[in-house]
Amino acid sequence: MKSVKNSLFCAFAMYSRIPTPKVDWQKDNMKYSMCFFPLIGTVLGLLNYFWYNICNIFEYNNMIFSAGFIAISLLVTGGIHLDGFCDVQDALASWGDKEKKLTILKDSNCGAFAIINTCVYFLLYFAVMTGLENNEIIIVCLSFTISRIMSAFSVILFKNAKNDGYLHTFNKASDRRTVLIVLSIFISIIFLLLLDYSLKYFIIILVTTALIFIYYRYKSYKYFGGITGDLAGWFLCLYELFVPLGLLLCKGVMIQWNL
C-alpha cells in the first residue's frame, strides 16, 4: 500500500505543480506512477470546467475564458509538456540525423523554431477555444485525462530512443502488467461514458486519439528511433490542441450541412 501511495506522489510531483509529500525516487516508489498520471489530467479538466462555470456566472466573454483555460493548464503542469514540445520542434526543424536530433532535445537553450511554433500553437489554441460551447468544453476537459492515458501507454509499450532520462527511468521502474491493466480499465470506462453521452463525440475522440497516437509513434520512431520524455510532452500538446480543433471543425461541417 505504501508503494501505491508513493507512486501517486511521484506522478504528481513529476508531472504537475500540485504540492505533494516528498518521497524518494526509488524503483518501489515509482512502479505504479503511470497508473496515476491520468489523474493529473482529471484534476486539470475539473479545474478548467470550474473556470468555465465561473466565466458563465460572471458573464465573462470567450476571450477571457480561453486565456484563463490555457493559463490554468500551464500553471498546473508547470509547462513540463510544453518544454518537450519546444525541444521537439527545434529538433525536427534541424533536419539532422537521429543523433543530432537527440542532442538538440538535451539542449536547454530555446531555438527560433521552438518560439515560432509555440506562438502558432497558442494562437490556434486560443482561437479554437473561443469557438466552443458547453458540450464541447466538457469533452475538451475530459481529453486531458485521455491524453495522459495514451501517453502512459506509450511509456510502457513504445521503444525508448535512449537509455537515460526520466521517461526511461519511469519505464524501467514500472510494474508493466499492473499499469497496462489499470490504463486499459481507465480508457475503457471513459470511452463507454463517451459512447453513452454522445455517439458524435465518441467518434470524434476515437478518431482523433487513434490518428494522433499513430502519428506520434511514426514521427518518434522515424526521426528519433523511439520516444523520449520530450516527445511524450510533444504528443500531449498536439493531442490537446487537435481535440478542440476537431470538435470545432465537426461543428462547422454539421452547421453547414444542416445536420
Protein backbone atom coordinates (compact mmCIF):
# COMPACT_ATOMS: atom_id res chain seq x y z
CA MET A 1 0.00 0.00 0.00
CA LYS A 2 2.90 2.33 0.76
CA SER A 3 4.35 1.87 -2.73
CA VAL A 4 0.95 2.74 -4.26
CA LYS A 5 0.75 5.95 -2.23
CA ASN A 6 4.33 6.89 -3.04
CA SER A 7 3.74 6.18 -6.73
CA LEU A 8 0.85 8.64 -6.62
CA PHE A 9 3.07 11.28 -5.04
CA CYS A 10 5.86 10.64 -7.60
CA ALA A 11 3.46 11.08 -10.51
CA PHE A 12 2.06 14.37 -9.21
CA ALA A 13 5.50 15.66 -8.20
CA MET A 14 6.97 14.92 -11.61
CA TYR A 15 4.15 15.97 -13.93
CA SER A 16 2.42 18.77 -12.04
CA ARG A 17 2.99 21.66 -9.65
CA ILE A 18 0.37 20.34 -7.25
CA PRO A 19 2.03 20.12 -3.79
CA THR A 20 2.68 16.56 -2.61
CA PRO A 21 4.64 14.97 0.24
CA LYS A 22 8.27 14.38 -0.60
CA VAL A 23 9.26 10.78 -1.42
CA ASP A 24 12.49 9.14 -2.51
CA TRP A 25 12.79 8.47 -6.25
CA GLN A 26 13.32 4.73 -5.85
CA LYS A 27 12.01 1.93 -8.04
CA ASP A 28 9.50 0.71 -5.44
CA ASN A 29 8.10 4.23 -5.16
CA MET A 30 7.68 4.61 -8.93
CA LYS A 31 6.37 1.28 -10.17
CA TYR A 32 2.71 2.38 -10.26
CA SER A 33 3.30 6.05 -11.13
CA MET A 34 1.99 5.70 -14.68
CA CYS A 35 -1.32 4.44 -13.24
CA PHE A 36 -1.79 7.84 -11.59
CA PHE A 37 -0.57 10.03 -14.44
CA PRO A 38 -4.13 10.27 -15.90
CA LEU A 39 -5.41 11.63 -12.57
CA ILE A 40 -3.40 14.80 -13.17
CA GLY A 41 -5.40 15.25 -16.36
CA THR A 42 -8.61 14.67 -14.40
CA VAL A 43 -7.68 17.40 -11.90
CA LEU A 44 -6.78 19.70 -14.79
CA GLY A 45 -10.10 19.01 -16.51
CA LEU A 46 -12.09 19.68 -13.34
CA LEU A 47 -10.28 22.96 -12.70
CA ASN A 48 -10.86 24.12 -16.27
CA TYR A 49 -14.54 23.18 -16.14
CA PHE A 50 -14.85 25.06 -12.86
CA TRP A 51 -13.28 28.07 -14.60
CA TYR A 52 -15.78 27.73 -17.44
CA ASN A 53 -18.66 27.88 -14.95
CA ILE A 54 -17.13 30.90 -13.22
CA CYS A 55 -16.98 32.65 -16.60
CA ASN A 56 -20.66 31.84 -17.19
CA ILE A 57 -21.70 33.12 -13.77
CA PHE A 58 -19.90 36.44 -14.19
CA GLU A 59 -20.68 36.60 -17.93
CA TYR A 60 -17.05 36.88 -18.99
CA ASN A 61 -16.53 36.79 -22.74
CA ASN A 62 -14.97 33.88 -24.64
CA MET A 63 -11.59 35.58 -24.87
CA ILE A 64 -11.24 35.78 -21.09
CA PHE A 65 -12.36 32.15 -20.80
CA SER A 66 -9.82 30.98 -23.39
CA ALA A 67 -6.94 32.90 -21.82
CA GLY A 68 -7.77 31.51 -18.36
CA PHE A 69 -8.21 27.99 -19.74
CA ILE A 70 -4.73 27.99 -21.25
CA ALA A 71 -3.19 29.65 -18.20
CA ILE A 72 -4.67 27.05 -15.82
CA SER A 73 -3.15 24.24 -17.89
CA LEU A 74 0.29 25.84 -17.74
CA LEU A 75 0.08 26.65 -14.03
CA VAL A 76 -0.99 23.12 -13.05
CA THR A 77 1.64 21.34 -15.18
CA GLY A 78 4.39 23.91 -14.78
CA GLY A 79 4.84 23.82 -18.55
CA ILE A 80 6.69 20.50 -18.44
CA HIS A 81 4.94 19.15 -21.55
CA LEU A 82 5.27 22.44 -23.42
CA ASP A 83 9.01 22.29 -22.77
CA GLY A 84 9.06 18.95 -24.60
CA PHE A 85 7.00 20.42 -27.43
CA CYS A 86 9.53 23.23 -27.87
CA ASP A 87 12.53 20.88 -27.84
CA VAL A 88 10.95 18.55 -30.40
CA GLN A 89 10.05 21.43 -32.73
CA ASP A 90 13.67 22.58 -32.67
CA ALA A 91 14.92 19.04 -33.26
CA LEU A 92 12.57 18.39 -36.19
CA ALA A 93 13.49 21.72 -37.77
CA SER A 94 17.19 20.84 -37.72
CA TRP A 95 16.81 18.11 -40.39
CA GLY A 96 19.83 16.42 -38.85
CA ASP A 97 20.30 12.71 -38.24
CA LYS A 98 18.83 10.92 -35.21
CA GLU A 99 21.85 11.60 -33.04
CA LYS A 100 21.77 15.31 -33.79
CA LYS A 101 18.05 15.46 -33.04
CA LEU A 102 18.54 13.67 -29.72
CA THR A 103 21.36 16.07 -28.87
CA ILE A 104 19.08 19.03 -29.56
CA LEU A 105 16.46 17.54 -27.22
CA LYS A 106 19.04 17.69 -24.42
CA ASP A 107 19.95 21.31 -25.15
CA SER A 108 18.47 23.65 -22.54
CA ASN A 109 18.53 26.58 -24.97
CA CYS A 110 15.37 27.52 -26.89
CA GLY A 111 15.77 27.91 -30.65
CA ALA A 112 13.91 30.12 -33.10
CA PHE A 113 11.71 27.31 -34.41
CA ALA A 114 10.57 26.43 -30.90
CA ILE A 115 9.48 30.04 -30.30
CA ILE A 116 7.77 30.36 -33.69
CA ASN A 117 5.87 27.09 -33.37
CA THR A 118 4.88 27.79 -29.76
CA CYS A 119 3.43 31.17 -30.78
CA VAL A 120 1.45 29.48 -33.56
CA TYR A 121 0.34 26.78 -31.13
CA PHE A 122 -1.06 29.25 -28.62
CA LEU A 123 -2.71 31.38 -31.30
CA LEU A 124 -4.52 28.32 -32.63
CA TYR A 125 -5.38 27.01 -29.17
CA PHE A 126 -6.74 30.39 -28.07
CA ALA A 127 -8.77 30.89 -31.24
CA VAL A 128 -10.25 27.38 -31.21
CA MET A 129 -11.29 27.56 -27.55
CA THR A 130 -13.24 30.79 -28.15
CA GLY A 131 -15.45 28.94 -30.63
CA LEU A 132 -16.55 26.07 -28.38
CA GLU A 133 -19.76 25.76 -26.37
CA ASN A 134 -20.84 23.84 -23.26
CA ASN A 135 -20.88 20.27 -24.60
CA GLU A 136 -17.59 20.73 -26.43
CA ILE A 137 -15.96 22.23 -23.33
CA ILE A 138 -16.91 19.12 -21.35
CA ILE A 139 -15.24 16.89 -23.95
CA VAL A 140 -12.11 19.05 -24.04
CA CYS A 141 -11.85 18.85 -20.24
CA LEU A 142 -12.18 15.07 -20.47
CA SER A 143 -9.45 14.95 -23.12
CA PHE A 144 -6.80 15.92 -20.54
CA THR A 145 -7.30 12.53 -18.91
CA ILE A 146 -7.34 10.66 -22.23
CA SER A 147 -4.13 12.32 -23.41
CA ARG A 148 -2.30 11.18 -20.29
CA ILE A 149 -3.68 7.65 -20.51
CA MET A 150 -2.35 7.38 -24.06
CA SER A 151 0.96 8.97 -23.09
CA ALA A 152 1.31 6.44 -20.24
CA PHE A 153 0.56 3.63 -22.70
CA SER A 154 3.40 4.88 -24.90
CA VAL A 155 5.84 4.95 -21.97
CA ILE A 156 5.16 1.27 -21.34
CA LEU A 157 4.71 0.00 -24.91
CA PHE A 158 6.95 2.11 -27.17
CA LYS A 159 10.69 1.75 -27.63
CA ASN A 160 12.87 4.27 -25.82
CA ALA A 161 15.14 6.37 -28.02
CA LYS A 162 17.85 6.49 -25.34
CA ASN A 163 18.84 4.71 -22.16
CA ASP A 164 18.65 7.66 -19.82
CA GLY A 165 16.26 10.42 -18.84
CA TYR A 166 13.09 10.49 -16.74
CA LEU A 167 10.95 8.59 -19.25
CA HIS A 168 13.45 5.72 -19.34
CA THR A 169 13.51 5.74 -15.53
CA PHE A 170 9.71 5.52 -15.29
CA ASN A 171 9.65 2.81 -17.95
CA LYS A 172 12.15 0.60 -16.15
CA ALA A 173 10.62 1.16 -12.73
CA SER A 174 7.03 0.44 -13.81
CA ASP A 175 5.14 -2.73 -12.98
CA ARG A 176 4.19 -3.11 -16.62
CA ARG A 177 1.38 -5.64 -16.22
CA THR A 178 -0.39 -3.70 -13.48
CA VAL A 179 0.00 -0.38 -15.29
CA LEU A 180 -1.39 -1.77 -18.55
CA ILE A 181 -4.39 -3.31 -16.78
CA VAL A 182 -5.20 -0.08 -14.91
CA LEU A 183 -4.78 2.09 -18.02
CA SER A 184 -6.95 -0.28 -20.06
CA ILE A 185 -9.70 -0.06 -17.44
CA PHE A 186 -9.46 3.74 -17.38
CA ILE A 187 -9.67 4.17 -21.15
CA SER A 188 -12.49 1.62 -21.45
CA ILE A 189 -14.58 3.41 -18.82
CA ILE A 190 -14.01 6.81 -20.45
CA PHE A 191 -14.93 5.63 -23.94
CA LEU A 192 -18.01 3.81 -22.65
CA LEU A 193 -19.12 7.01 -20.89
CA LEU A 194 -18.47 8.96 -24.08
CA LEU A 195 -20.47 6.50 -26.13
CA ASP A 196 -23.37 6.75 -23.68
CA TYR A 197 -23.14 10.57 -23.66
CA SER A 198 -22.94 11.14 -27.41
CA LEU A 199 -22.13 8.95 -30.40
CA LYS A 200 -20.89 12.02 -32.27
CA TYR A 201 -18.36 12.96 -29.62
CA PHE A 202 -17.33 9.33 -29.17
CA ILE A 203 -16.44 9.05 -32.86
CA ILE A 204 -14.58 12.39 -32.90
CA ILE A 205 -12.47 11.49 -29.87
CA LEU A 206 -11.85 7.92 -31.01
CA VAL A 207 -10.65 9.02 -34.46
CA THR A 208 -8.58 11.92 -33.08
CA THR A 209 -6.96 9.71 -30.46
CA ALA A 210 -6.07 7.00 -32.97
CA LEU A 211 -4.68 9.41 -35.58
CA ILE A 212 -2.56 11.50 -33.20
CA PHE A 213 -1.25 8.41 -31.38
CA ILE A 214 -0.24 6.74 -34.65
CA TYR A 215 1.37 9.99 -35.85
CA TYR A 216 3.26 10.26 -32.55
CA ARG A 217 4.68 6.76 -32.92
CA TYR A 218 5.54 7.30 -36.58
CA LYS A 219 7.44 10.57 -36.01
CA SER A 220 9.18 9.26 -32.90
CA TYR A 221 10.43 6.06 -34.50
CA LYS A 222 11.33 7.59 -37.87
CA TYR A 223 13.19 10.66 -36.67
CA PHE A 224 14.37 9.73 -33.16
CA GLY A 225 14.49 5.93 -33.07
CA GLY A 226 11.90 5.78 -30.28
CA ILE A 227 10.30 8.03 -27.71
CA THR A 228 11.72 10.34 -25.04
CA GLY A 229 10.15 12.44 -22.33
CA ASP A 230 10.22 15.43 -24.68
CA LEU A 231 8.36 13.51 -27.38
CA ALA A 232 5.75 12.39 -24.85
CA GLY A 233 5.22 16.06 -23.96
CA TRP A 234 5.03 16.97 -27.64
CA PHE A 235 2.31 14.35 -28.10
CA LEU A 236 0.27 15.72 -25.19
CA CYS A 237 0.43 19.24 -26.60
CA LEU A 238 -0.61 18.07 -30.07
CA TYR A 239 -3.47 15.99 -28.72
CA GLU A 240 -4.80 18.75 -26.51
CA LEU A 241 -4.86 21.12 -29.48
CA PHE A 242 -6.37 18.75 -32.00
CA VAL A 243 -9.26 17.60 -29.81
CA PRO A 244 -10.88 21.07 -29.61
CA LEU A 245 -9.87 21.74 -33.22
CA GLY A 246 -11.62 18.53 -34.32
CA LEU A 247 -14.70 19.43 -32.31
CA LEU A 248 -14.83 22.90 -33.85
CA LEU A 249 -14.38 21.62 -37.41
CA CYS A 250 -17.06 18.97 -36.98
CA LYS A 251 -19.45 21.54 -35.55
CA GLY A 252 -18.83 23.78 -38.57
CA VAL A 253 -19.45 20.91 -41.00
CA MET A 254 -22.69 19.93 -39.26
CA ILE A 255 -23.96 23.52 -39.33
CA GLN A 256 -23.03 23.86 -42.99
CA TRP A 257 -24.82 20.64 -43.93
CA ASN A 258 -27.75 21.27 -41.53
CA LEU A 259 -27.12 18.02 -39.67
